[in-house]
Structure formats: C-alpha cells, structure tokens
Amino acid sequence: MSRPFRFGVSLLTPAPAAEWRAKCRRAEELGYDVILVPDHLGMPAPFPALVAAAEATERPRLGTFVLNAGFYNPALLAREVATTDALTGGRLELGLGTGYVPAEHETAGLPYGSPGERVDHLRRTVEELDRLLGCDNHQPCPAQSRVPLLIGANGDRMLRLTAEHADIAAFTGARPGSAPGSLAPLTAEELDERVARYRALAAGRAEPAELNLLIQLVAVTDDPEPVLKPLLERQPQLSLDSALALPLVLAGPLEEIVARVRAQRERFGFSYLTVLEPYMEAFAPVMERLREEPA
C-alpha cells in the first residue's frame, strides 16, 4: 500500500512581517501540508520564521529544510527546537543535514571540515537531541513527545544515519558538483541505487520512514524547452530529453506530470514532495490532481 501524498513548500525569500504571513497563508490556501524554511545565509532565519508562519496559519505542519548542523551546538539547538515546537503548538518537523556550502561557514566564522567530520558532527547532534529532548525534565519542553526528524542524505554514511534515526528520509536528487557549494542532478537510475541502498540499511526498522524528494523545477506547459534552458546551460552534459527525465524536474502538460509523480511514488517510494517557493503556484494544480487518488 502506497503512503498518501504529502506536499511541502520551502520558502526561500526574506520578507517583512505582513508579506511573510501573507505568503504562508497563501501556501495554506493552496493546500500545502508543510511550510518549510531552509538554513542558508541570506535567507530567513528558520525558527522565528516558523513561529511567524504558525501565527498566520492553522493547518500546515512547519519544518526546517534542512538545518545546517555545523551552525549549531546540540544543547543550544535542543533549546531552539523545544521552544519552537511549543510556540507552534506541536507542529514542528525538524530537518537536519550536514551543509554543503563552504562559503557560508567561512562567512559565519565556523569550521567547514571534511565530509567525514561533517557527518560525525551531525551524528553527535542527532544523538544529543534524542537524549536531551527525550528527557522528561528538559526545559523548555516541546509540545510533542517526539518532534519528527527528517534527515537529508545521499552518501552511504548519511543514509545509515537516516536509517537509524529519521522519521523522514529526504533525498535531494542531486550530488555535490565540481564547484564548491554546487549540486549536480542524479539520473533516475542513480537515484534508484541510492534509494535501494537506504532500504537495505533500513530493513530492520520497526516502522518504515516517509520518503521525501525535493523537486527543483516545476512547469506546467506544452513547451518545456524554454523553461529548461537555464538548467541546460548550467548542466551542459544534459540533453533536453535527459533533463526532462530527471526525478527532480517536473515539466510538461498537467496530466503527464501527475502520471509521472504517481509513477515515481511507485518506483522510488516518494510520497512526500517538496517544491521551492518560486514554484509554489505552479505546483498547485498538480497537487490538486494528485489528491484525487484513483480508486
């Protein structure tokens, strides 16, 4: 039995209070299940932005997508998580990752470290959060008995950590590119291998995790070529057909996109899809059609 679809939107652009609340309300009106905030310098600070989103909305869950663990001390992060969960009425979903932009660490005056060091720090963070937030006398106290944990992962060590601890396994559909802080898209076959590796590592779980995919581009159109031109310029190894086949790209007529998303849920298990703020409106008709599950 496939999981029901769930949809999130990652809000990237800082805004004054009234504008921020308005776009959160719009996300709720469009039917998004989760309002998410990333963790990059130059974008909104995640926790206050989510508290403001909670004040403006009633239904959506609220999540970090994803926190850069290297920015945080685990004890201080536990305080932020517990306070935010309490102030949002138990609507928080905590997303964590290692971070992938060296320049942000340099600007913040924080060590970036090797890939292994970043994974080690994330593991320590996850384990400390489990310990601290699982303690009955931790103050402040979160509203939820367990704040759901999402981990964004692709590498083997990260997938193992995700299999051990995460309620939601998030796949970016991309890997680090040749330039620092850049990403290169995974083909469907490459993503097959990563999901299979995760499933093998998670085989002993009592409860299967929800699988998430971050969609990087959405365009409901009969002529996707102009929309894909910037992607093809950034990724010259791709042809138009290979770009259209990328799991993180949804471009084409509405019914084709809807069928493709359902096929990807069947193939990979992705029932929770996240889109970026620029595509919030474009994805709405796709989301509406996907709610109409076939009998």
C-alpha atoms as a PDB file:
ATOM      1  CA  MET A   1       0.000   0.000   0.000  1.00  0.00           C
ATOM      2  CA  SER A   2       1.478   3.365  -1.022  1.00  0.00           C
ATOM      3  CA  ARG A   3       1.532   6.171   1.508  1.00  0.00           C
ATOM      4  CA  PRO A   4      -0.844   9.067   0.803  1.00  0.00           C
ATOM      5  CA  PHE A   5       0.816  12.066  -0.770  1.00  0.00           C
ATOM      6  CA  ARG A   6       2.010  14.934   1.372  1.00  0.00           C
ATOM      7  CA  PHE A   7       3.280  18.223  -0.042  1.00  0.00           C
ATOM      8  CA  GLY A   8       5.623  20.885   1.306  1.00  0.00           C
ATOM      9  CA  VAL A   9       6.843  24.249   0.066  1.00  0.00           C
ATOM     10  CA  SER A  10      10.230  25.671   1.034  1.00  0.00           C
ATOM     11  CA  LEU A  11      10.023  29.454   1.475  1.00  0.00           C
ATOM     12  CA  LEU A  12      13.348  30.994   0.478  1.00  0.00           C
ATOM     13  CA  THR A  13      12.862  34.762   0.319  1.00  0.00           C
ATOM     14  CA  PRO A  14      13.020  37.043   3.371  1.00  0.00           C
ATOM     15  CA  ALA A  15      10.037  39.374   3.718  1.00  0.00           C
ATOM     16  CA  PRO A  16       8.553  41.923   6.136  1.00  0.00           C
ATOM     17  CA  ALA A  17       6.090  40.546   8.676  1.00  0.00           C
ATOM     18  CA  ALA A  18       2.877  41.208   6.745  1.00  0.00           C
ATOM     19  CA  GLU A  19       4.270  39.843   3.486  1.00  0.00           C
ATOM     20  CA  TRP A  20       5.703  36.759   5.216  1.00  0.00           C
ATOM     21  CA  ARG A  21       2.397  35.965   6.871  1.00  0.00           C
ATOM     22  CA  ALA A  22       0.533  36.519   3.593  1.00  0.00           C
ATOM     23  CA  LYS A  23       2.638  34.011   1.679  1.00  0.00           C
ATOM     24  CA  CYS A  24       2.298  31.475   4.496  1.00  0.00           C
ATOM     25  CA  ARG A  25      -1.477  31.905   4.349  1.00  0.00           C
ATOM     26  CA  ARG A  26      -1.316  31.500   0.575  1.00  0.00           C
ATOM     27  CA  ALA A  27       0.576  28.225   0.970  1.00  0.00           C
ATOM     28  CA  GLU A  28      -2.162  27.023   3.308  1.00  0.00           C
ATOM     29  CA  GLU A  29      -4.898  28.149   0.871  1.00  0.00           C
ATOM     30  CA  LEU A  30      -3.228  26.227  -1.953  1.00  0.00           C
ATOM     31  CA  GLY A  31      -3.314  23.071   0.158  1.00  0.00           C
ATOM     32  CA  TYR A  32       0.311  22.570   1.168  1.00  0.00           C
ATOM     33  CA  ASP A  33       0.682  20.231   4.130  1.00  0.00           C
ATOM     34  CA  VAL A  34       4.025  21.595   5.322  1.00  0.00           C
ATOM     35  CA  ILE A  35       5.581  25.074   5.266  1.00  0.00           C
ATOM     36  CA  LEU A  36       9.356  24.769   5.288  1.00  0.00           C
ATOM     37  CA  VAL A  37      12.288  27.122   5.720  1.00  0.00           C
ATOM     38  CA  PRO A  38      15.874  26.341   4.612  1.00  0.00           C
ATOM     39  CA  ASP A  39      19.047  27.265   6.508  1.00  0.00           C
ATOM     40  CA  HIS A  40      21.274  29.412   4.301  1.00  0.00           C
ATOM     41  CA  LEU A  41      22.791  32.803   4.956  1.00  0.00           C
ATOM     42  CA  GLY A  42      20.784  35.451   3.117  1.00  0.00           C
ATOM     43  CA  MET A  43      17.539  33.511   3.656  1.00  0.00           C
ATOM     44  CA  PRO A  44      15.087  33.721   6.580  1.00  0.00           C
ATOM     45  CA  ALA A  45      16.292  32.526   9.993  1.00  0.00           C
ATOM     46  CA  PRO A  46      14.412  29.232  10.330  1.00  0.00           C
ATOM     47  CA  PHE A  47      12.982  29.240  13.843  1.00  0.00           C
ATOM     48  CA  PRO A  48      11.493  32.758  14.096  1.00  0.00           C
ATOM     49  CA  ALA A  49      10.188  32.389  10.535  1.00  0.00           C
ATOM     50  CA  LEU A  50       8.358  29.199  11.508  1.00  0.00           C
ATOM     51  CA  VAL A  51       6.880  30.762  14.636  1.00  0.00           C
ATOM     52  CA  ALA A  52       5.535  33.593  12.454  1.00  0.00           C
ATOM     53  CA  ALA A  53       4.182  31.023   9.981  1.00  0.00           C
ATOM     54  CA  ALA A  54       2.352  29.269  12.810  1.00  0.00           C
ATOM     55  CA  GLU A  55       0.716  32.533  13.879  1.00  0.00           C
ATOM     56  CA  ALA A  56      -0.525  33.132  10.326  1.00  0.00           C
ATOM     57  CA  THR A  57      -1.869  29.622   9.637  1.00  0.00           C
ATOM     58  CA  GLU A  58      -3.844  26.842  11.296  1.00  0.00           C
ATOM     59  CA  ARG A  59      -3.360  23.571   9.447  1.00  0.00           C
ATOM     60  CA  PRO A  60       0.131  23.100   7.923  1.00  0.00           C
ATOM     61  CA  ARG A  61       2.991  21.434   9.711  1.00  0.00           C
ATOM     62  CA  LEU A  62       6.149  23.572   9.942  1.00  0.00           C
ATOM     63  CA  GLY A  63       9.658  22.381   9.210  1.00  0.00           C
ATOM     64  CA  THR A  64      13.314  23.194   8.761  1.00  0.00           C
ATOM     65  CA  PHE A  65      14.507  22.006   5.354  1.00  0.00           C
ATOM     66  CA  VAL A  66      17.189  21.460   6.386  1.00  0.00           C
ATOM     67  CA  LEU A  67      19.237  22.908   9.214  1.00  0.00           C
ATOM     68  CA  ASN A  68      22.985  23.007   8.621  1.00  0.00           C
ATOM     69  CA  ALA A  69      24.153  21.032  11.670  1.00  0.00           C
ATOM     70  CA  GLY A  70      27.546  22.722  11.508  1.00  0.00           C
ATOM     71  CA  PHE A  71      25.935  26.020  12.514  1.00  0.00           C
ATOM     72  CA  TYR A  72      24.670  24.624  15.831  1.00  0.00           C
ATOM     73  CA  ASN A  73      25.748  23.438  19.251  1.00  0.00           C
ATOM     74  CA  PRO A  74      23.449  20.473  20.115  1.00  0.00           C
ATOM     75  CA  ALA A  75      22.406  21.773  23.554  1.00  0.00           C
ATOM     76  CA  LEU A  76      21.523  25.193  22.157  1.00  0.00           C
ATOM     77  CA  LEU A  77      19.743  23.594  19.224  1.00  0.00           C
ATOM     78  CA  ALA A  78      17.659  21.467  21.610  1.00  0.00           C
ATOM     79  CA  ARG A  79      16.502  24.696  23.285  1.00  0.00           C
ATOM     80  CA  GLU A  80      15.538  26.196  19.902  1.00  0.00           C
ATOM     81  CA  VAL A  81      13.685  23.058  18.834  1.00  0.00           C
ATOM     82  CA  ALA A  82      11.765  22.705  22.087  1.00  0.00           C
ATOM     83  CA  THR A  83      10.801  26.386  22.201  1.00  0.00           C
ATOM     84  CA  THR A  84       9.716  26.442  18.558  1.00  0.00           C
ATOM     85  CA  ASP A  85       7.664  23.269  18.948  1.00  0.00           C
ATOM     86  CA  ALA A  86       5.945  24.742  22.000  1.00  0.00           C
ATOM     87  CA  LEU A  87       5.256  28.094  20.312  1.00  0.00           C
ATOM     88  CA  THR A  88       3.876  26.421  17.173  1.00  0.00           C
ATOM     89  CA  GLY A  89       1.529  24.159  19.119  1.00  0.00           C
ATOM     90  CA  GLY A  90       3.401  20.954  18.321  1.00  0.00           C
ATOM     91  CA  ARG A  91       3.514  21.487  14.559  1.00  0.00           C
ATOM     92  CA  LEU A  92       7.315  21.340  14.128  1.00  0.00           C
ATOM     93  CA  GLU A  93       9.180  18.845  11.964  1.00  0.00           C
ATOM     94  CA  LEU A  94      12.951  19.084  12.402  1.00  0.00           C
ATOM     95  CA  GLY A  95      15.044  18.667   9.240  1.00  0.00           C
ATOM     96  CA  LEU A  96      18.815  18.254   9.612  1.00  0.00           C
ATOM     97  CA  GLY A  97      21.724  17.941   7.176  1.00  0.00           C
ATOM     98  CA  THR A  98      25.484  18.397   7.089  1.00  0.00           C
ATOM     99  CA  GLY A  99      25.547  21.573   4.982  1.00  0.00           C
ATOM    100  CA  TYR A 100      27.288  21.773   1.632  1.00  0.00           C
ATOM    101  CA  VAL A 101      28.299  25.435   1.091  1.00  0.00           C
ATOM    102  CA  PRO A 102      31.844  26.147   2.388  1.00  0.00           C
ATOM    103  CA  ALA A 103      31.486  29.904   1.850  1.00  0.00           C
ATOM    104  CA  GLU A 104      28.654  30.091   4.382  1.00  0.00           C
ATOM    105  CA  HIS A 105      30.838  28.559   7.084  1.00  0.00           C
ATOM    106  CA  GLU A 106      33.641  30.954   6.215  1.00  0.00           C
ATOM    107  CA  THR A 107      31.301  33.946   6.456  1.00  0.00           C
ATOM    108  CA  ALA A 108      29.980  32.697   9.806  1.00  0.00           C
ATOM    109  CA  GLY A 109      33.497  32.070  11.120  1.00  0.00           C
ATOM    110  CA  LEU A 110      32.748  28.376  11.631  1.00  0.00           C
ATOM    111  CA  PRO A 111      34.840  25.369  10.563  1.00  0.00           C
ATOM    112  CA  TYR A 112      33.567  23.522   7.496  1.00  0.00           C
ATOM    113  CA  GLY A 113      35.585  20.353   7.918  1.00  0.00           C
ATOM    114  CA  SER A 114      35.892  17.252   5.795  1.00  0.00           C
ATOM    115  CA  PRO A 115      32.841  15.253   4.678  1.00  0.00           C
ATOM    116  CA  GLY A 116      33.580  12.711   7.404  1.00  0.00           C
ATOM    117  CA  GLU A 117      33.845  15.399  10.071  1.00  0.00           C
ATOM    118  CA  ARG A 118      30.546  16.939   8.996  1.00  0.00           C
ATOM    119  CA  VAL A 119      28.780  13.574   9.189  1.00  0.00           C
ATOM    120  CA  ASP A 120      30.347  12.904  12.598  1.00  0.00           C
ATOM    121  CA  HIS A 121      29.059  16.252  13.873  1.00  0.00           C
ATOM    122  CA  LEU A 122      25.583  15.554  12.518  1.00  0.00           C
ATOM    123  CA  ARG A 123      25.532  12.137  14.211  1.00  0.00           C
ATOM    124  CA  ARG A 124      26.542  13.696  17.532  1.00  0.00           C
ATOM    125  CA  THR A 125      23.848  16.342  17.067  1.00  0.00           C
ATOM    126  CA  VAL A 126      21.133  13.781  16.348  1.00  0.00           C
ATOM    127  CA  GLU A 127      22.136  11.608  19.295  1.00  0.00           C
ATOM    128  CA  GLU A 128      22.296  14.586  21.674  1.00  0.00           C
ATOM    129  CA  LEU A 129      18.899  15.848  20.521  1.00  0.00           C
ATOM    130  CA  ASP A 130      17.441  12.386  21.105  1.00  0.00           C
ATOM    131  CA  ARG A 131      18.919  12.352  24.602  1.00  0.00           C
ATOM    132  CA  LEU A 132      18.023  15.896  25.592  1.00  0.00           C
ATOM    133  CA  LEU A 133      14.540  16.117  24.091  1.00  0.00           C
ATOM    134  CA  GLY A 134      13.715  12.603  25.253  1.00  0.00           C
ATOM    135  CA  CYS A 135      14.402  13.610  28.846  1.00  0.00           C
ATOM    136  CA  ASP A 136      11.267  14.252  30.899  1.00  0.00           C
ATOM    137  CA  ASN A 137      12.804  17.184  32.747  1.00  0.00           C
ATOM    138  CA  HIS A 138      14.301  19.041  29.758  1.00  0.00           C
ATOM    139  CA  GLN A 139      13.373  22.710  29.827  1.00  0.00           C
ATOM    140  CA  PRO A 140      11.915  24.181  27.732  1.00  0.00           C
ATOM    141  CA  CYS A 141       9.609  21.264  26.993  1.00  0.00           C
ATOM    142  CA  PRO A 142       8.459  20.570  23.412  1.00  0.00           C
ATOM    143  CA  ALA A 143       4.732  20.127  22.814  1.00  0.00           C
ATOM    144  CA  GLN A 144       5.228  16.807  21.002  1.00  0.00           C
ATOM    145  CA  SER A 145       6.522  13.706  22.756  1.00  0.00           C
ATOM    146  CA  ARG A 146       8.818  13.321  19.739  1.00  0.00           C
ATOM    147  CA  VAL A 147       9.491  16.054  17.208  1.00  0.00           C
ATOM    148  CA  PRO A 148       9.580  14.210  13.849  1.00  0.00           C
ATOM    149  CA  LEU A 149      13.110  14.106  12.444  1.00  0.00           C
ATOM    150  CA  LEU A 150      13.903  14.485   8.754  1.00  0.00           C
ATOM    151  CA  ILE A 151      17.459  13.916   7.554  1.00  0.00           C
ATOM    152  CA  GLY A 152      18.598  14.983   4.093  1.00  0.00           C
ATOM    153  CA  ALA A 153      21.037  12.389   2.793  1.00  0.00           C
ATOM    154  CA  ASN A 154      22.681  10.759  -0.211  1.00  0.00           C
ATOM    155  CA  GLY A 155      26.048   9.322   0.845  1.00  0.00           C
ATOM    156  CA  ASP A 156      26.391   5.901   2.466  1.00  0.00           C
ATOM    157  CA  ARG A 157      27.205   7.149   5.984  1.00  0.00           C
ATOM    158  CA  MET A 158      24.382   9.665   5.839  1.00  0.00           C
ATOM    159  CA  LEU A 159      21.941   7.038   4.614  1.00  0.00           C
ATOM    160  CA  ARG A 160      22.960   4.785   7.526  1.00  0.00           C
ATOM    161  CA  LEU A 161      22.331   7.624   9.987  1.00  0.00           C
ATOM    162  CA  THR A 162      18.986   8.309   8.328  1.00  0.00           C
ATOM    163  CA  ALA A 163      18.014   4.644   8.513  1.00  0.00           C
ATOM    164  CA  GLU A 164      18.855   4.569  12.217  1.00  0.00           C
ATOM    165  CA  HIS A 165      17.210   7.794  13.379  1.00  0.00           C
ATOM    166  CA  ALA A 166      14.999   9.615  10.873  1.00  0.00           C
ATOM    167  CA  ASP A 167      11.215   9.553  10.663  1.00  0.00           C
ATOM    168  CA  ILE A 168      11.519  11.108   7.198  1.00  0.00           C
ATOM    169  CA  ALA A 169      14.285  10.240   4.720  1.00  0.00           C
ATOM    170  CA  ALA A 170      14.829  13.166   2.346  1.00  0.00           C
ATOM    171  CA  PHE A 171      16.577  12.759  -0.992  1.00  0.00           C
ATOM    172  CA  THR A 172      17.783  15.802  -2.921  1.00  0.00           C
ATOM    173  CA  GLY A 173      18.027  14.067  -6.276  1.00  0.00           C
ATOM    174  CA  ALA A 174      21.456  15.689  -6.576  1.00  0.00           C
ATOM    175  CA  ARG A 175      25.065  15.225  -5.502  1.00  0.00           C
ATOM    176  CA  PRO A 176      27.869  17.735  -4.851  1.00  0.00           C
ATOM    177  CA  GLY A 177      29.014  19.301  -8.118  1.00  0.00           C
ATOM    178  CA  SER A 178      32.517  20.121  -9.292  1.00  0.00           C
ATOM    179  CA  ALA A 179      32.392  23.695  -7.931  1.00  0.00           C
ATOM    180  CA  PRO A 180      32.252  24.209  -4.130  1.00  0.00           C
ATOM    181  CA  GLY A 181      28.661  24.565  -2.951  1.00  0.00           C
ATOM    182  CA  SER A 182      27.193  23.409  -6.275  1.00  0.00           C
ATOM    183  CA  LEU A 183      24.959  20.413  -6.978  1.00  0.00           C
ATOM    184  CA  ALA A 184      24.691  18.091  -9.972  1.00  0.00           C
ATOM    185  CA  PRO A 185      21.397  16.239 -10.611  1.00  0.00           C
ATOM    186  CA  LEU A 186      21.076  12.479 -10.216  1.00  0.00           C
ATOM    187  CA  THR A 187      19.572  10.426 -13.005  1.00  0.00           C
ATOM    188  CA  ALA A 188      16.642   8.148 -12.214  1.00  0.00           C
ATOM    189  CA  GLU A 189      18.992   5.158 -12.316  1.00  0.00           C
ATOM    190  CA  GLU A 190      21.421   6.809  -9.875  1.00  0.00           C
ATOM    191  CA  LEU A 191      18.556   7.661  -7.552  1.00  0.00           C
ATOM    192  CA  ASP A 192      17.312   4.057  -7.796  1.00  0.00           C
ATOM    193  CA  GLU A 193      20.669   2.931  -6.431  1.00  0.00           C
ATOM    194  CA  ARG A 194      20.622   5.440  -3.548  1.00  0.00           C
ATOM    195  CA  VAL A 195      17.068   4.547  -2.522  1.00  0.00           C
ATOM    196  CA  ALA A 196      17.901   0.835  -2.721  1.00  0.00           C
ATOM    197  CA  ARG A 197      20.933   1.429  -0.503  1.00  0.00           C
ATOM    198  CA  TYR A 198      18.781   3.267   2.024  1.00  0.00           C
ATOM    199  CA  ARG A 199      16.172   0.482   2.012  1.00  0.00           C
ATOM    200  CA  ALA A 200      18.851  -2.129   2.677  1.00  0.00           C
ATOM    201  CA  LEU A 201      20.173  -0.122   5.630  1.00  0.00           C
ATOM    202  CA  ALA A 202      16.644   0.450   6.970  1.00  0.00           C
ATOM    203  CA  ALA A 203      15.490  -3.144   6.581  1.00  0.00           C
ATOM    204  CA  GLY A 204      15.368  -3.766  10.352  1.00  0.00           C
ATOM    205  CA  ARG A 205      13.224  -0.739  11.233  1.00  0.00           C
ATOM    206  CA  ALA A 206      10.036  -1.344  13.185  1.00  0.00           C
ATOM    207  CA  GLU A 207       8.278   1.464  11.299  1.00  0.00           C
ATOM    208  CA  PRO A 208       9.238   2.493   7.758  1.00  0.00           C
ATOM    209  CA  ALA A 209      10.203   6.123   7.257  1.00  0.00           C
ATOM    210  CA  GLU A 210       8.364   8.500   4.972  1.00  0.00           C
ATOM    211  CA  LEU A 211      10.421   9.200   1.825  1.00  0.00           C
ATOM    212  CA  ASN A 212      10.777  12.763   0.601  1.00  0.00           C
ATOM    213  CA  LEU A 213      12.055  14.207  -2.667  1.00  0.00           C
ATOM    214  CA  LEU A 214      12.969  17.853  -3.248  1.00  0.00           C
ATOM    215  CA  ILE A 215      11.694  18.967  -6.659  1.00  0.00           C
ATOM    216  CA  GLN A 216      13.938  21.658  -8.146  1.00  0.00           C
ATOM    217  CA  LEU A 217      11.782  22.806 -11.086  1.00  0.00           C
ATOM    218  CA  VAL A 218       8.052  22.746 -11.856  1.00  0.00           C
ATOM    219  CA  ALA A 219       6.454  23.963 -15.086  1.00  0.00           C
ATOM    220  CA  VAL A 220       3.009  23.008 -16.356  1.00  0.00           C
ATOM    221  CA  THR A 221       3.459  23.671 -20.067  1.00  0.00           C
ATOM    222  CA  ASP A 222       3.128  22.133 -23.523  1.00  0.00           C
ATOM    223  CA  ASP A 223       6.567  23.524 -24.424  1.00  0.00           C
ATOM    224  CA  PRO A 224       9.103  22.753 -21.654  1.00  0.00           C
ATOM    225  CA  GLU A 225      12.236  23.610 -23.656  1.00  0.00           C
ATOM    226  CA  PRO A 226      12.351  27.359 -22.835  1.00  0.00           C
ATOM    227  CA  VAL A 227      11.767  26.614 -19.145  1.00  0.00           C
ATOM    228  CA  LEU A 228      14.621  24.104 -19.083  1.00  0.00           C
ATOM    229  CA  LYS A 229      17.084  26.327 -20.945  1.00  0.00           C
ATOM    230  CA  PRO A 230      18.751  27.731 -17.772  1.00  0.00           C
ATOM    231  CA  LEU A 231      19.190  24.202 -16.390  1.00  0.00           C
ATOM    232  CA  LEU A 232      20.710  23.008 -19.671  1.00  0.00           C
ATOM    233  CA  GLU A 233      23.121  25.947 -19.622  1.00  0.00           C
ATOM    234  CA  ARG A 234      24.220  25.112 -16.058  1.00  0.00           C
ATOM    235  CA  GLN A 235      24.424  21.373 -16.797  1.00  0.00           C
ATOM    236  CA  PRO A 236      25.793  21.135 -20.364  1.00  0.00           C
ATOM    237  CA  GLN A 237      26.068  17.337 -20.121  1.00  0.00           C
ATOM    238  CA  LEU A 238      22.254  17.139 -20.258  1.00  0.00           C
ATOM    239  CA  SER A 239      20.111  16.973 -23.373  1.00  0.00           C
ATOM    240  CA  LEU A 240      16.522  18.201 -23.318  1.00  0.00           C
ATOM    241  CA  ASP A 241      15.244  14.621 -23.071  1.00  0.00           C
ATOM    242  CA  SER A 242      17.627  13.666 -20.269  1.00  0.00           C
ATOM    243  CA  ALA A 243      16.726  16.835 -18.350  1.00  0.00           C
ATOM    244  CA  LEU A 244      13.017  16.038 -18.654  1.00  0.00           C
ATOM    245  CA  ALA A 245      13.733  12.556 -17.288  1.00  0.00           C
ATOM    246  CA  LEU A 246      15.440  13.835 -14.114  1.00  0.00           C
ATOM    247  CA  PRO A 247      13.425  12.947 -10.980  1.00  0.00           C
ATOM    248  CA  LEU A 248      13.857  16.479  -9.626  1.00  0.00           C
ATOM    249  CA  VAL A 249      12.293  18.078 -12.739  1.00  0.00           C
ATOM    250  CA  LEU A 250       8.544  18.198 -13.355  1.00  0.00           C
ATOM    251  CA  ALA A 251       7.905  19.912 -16.677  1.00  0.00           C
ATOM    252  CA  GLY A 252       5.224  19.204 -19.263  1.00  0.00           C
ATOM    253  CA  PRO A 253       1.440  19.019 -19.607  1.00  0.00           C
ATOM    254  CA  LEU A 254      -0.510  18.686 -16.352  1.00  0.00           C
ATOM    255  CA  GLU A 255      -1.705  15.114 -16.831  1.00  0.00           C
ATOM    256  CA  GLU A 256       1.787  13.939 -17.795  1.00  0.00           C
ATOM    257  CA  ILE A 257       3.271  15.474 -14.654  1.00  0.00           C
ATOM    258  CA  VAL A 258       0.553  13.933 -12.479  1.00  0.00           C
ATOM    259  CA  ALA A 259       1.161  10.495 -14.018  1.00  0.00           C
ATOM    260  CA  ARG A 260       4.917  10.933 -13.571  1.00  0.00           C
ATOM    261  CA  VAL A 261       4.651  11.779  -9.888  1.00  0.00           C
ATOM    262  CA  ARG A 262       2.475   8.738  -9.284  1.00  0.00           C
ATOM    263  CA  ALA A 263       4.951   6.571 -11.201  1.00  0.00           C
ATOM    264  CA  GLN A 264       7.827   7.944  -9.112  1.00  0.00           C
ATOM    265  CA  ARG A 265       5.966   7.092  -5.918  1.00  0.00           C
ATOM    266  CA  GLU A 266       5.581   3.550  -7.231  1.00  0.00           C
ATOM    267  CA  ARG A 267       9.215   3.306  -8.351  1.00  0.00           C
ATOM    268  CA  PHE A 268      11.069   5.072  -5.524  1.00  0.00           C
ATOM    269  CA  GLY A 269       8.520   5.368  -2.709  1.00  0.00           C
ATOM    270  CA  PHE A 270       8.430   9.183  -2.681  1.00  0.00           C
ATOM    271  CA  SER A 271       5.098  10.157  -1.134  1.00  0.00           C
ATOM    272  CA  TYR A 272       6.247  13.459   0.394  1.00  0.00           C
ATOM    273  CA  LEU A 273       7.258  16.038  -2.206  1.00  0.00           C
ATOM    274  CA  THR A 274       8.782  19.442  -1.519  1.00  0.00           C
ATOM    275  CA  VAL A 275       8.837  22.270  -4.045  1.00  0.00           C
ATOM    276  CA  LEU A 276      10.748  25.545  -3.864  1.00  0.00           C
ATOM    277  CA  GLU A 277       8.980  28.857  -3.298  1.00  0.00           C
ATOM    278  CA  PRO A 278       9.231  30.063  -6.949  1.00  0.00           C
ATOM    279  CA  TYR A 279       7.119  27.037  -7.974  1.00  0.00           C
ATOM    280  CA  MET A 280       4.516  27.220  -5.184  1.00  0.00           C
ATOM    281  CA  GLU A 281       1.759  28.422  -7.512  1.00  0.00           C
ATOM    282  CA  ALA A 282       2.809  26.300 -10.494  1.00  0.00           C
ATOM    283  CA  PHE A 283       2.660  23.090  -8.457  1.00  0.00           C
ATOM    284  CA  ALA A 284      -0.801  23.809  -7.019  1.00  0.00           C
ATOM    285  CA  PRO A 285      -2.822  22.255  -9.906  1.00  0.00           C
ATOM    286  CA  VAL A 286      -0.537  19.209  -9.850  1.00  0.00           C
ATOM    287  CA  MET A 287      -1.103  18.849  -6.127  1.00  0.00           C
ATOM    288  CA  GLU A 288      -4.863  19.197  -6.560  1.00  0.00           C
ATOM    289  CA  ARG A 289      -4.935  16.419  -9.160  1.00  0.00           C
ATOM    290  CA  LEU A 290      -2.713  14.164  -7.057  1.00  0.00           C
ATOM    291  CA  ARG A 291      -5.156  14.452  -4.176  1.00  0.00           C
ATOM    292  CA  GLU A 292      -7.652  12.651  -6.419  1.00  0.00           C
ATOM    293  CA  GLU A 293      -6.229   9.195  -5.823  1.00  0.00           C
ATOM    294  CA  PRO A 294      -7.508   6.604  -8.334  1.00  0.00           C
ATOM    295  CA  ALA A 295      -9.944   4.084  -6.932  1.00  0.00           C
END
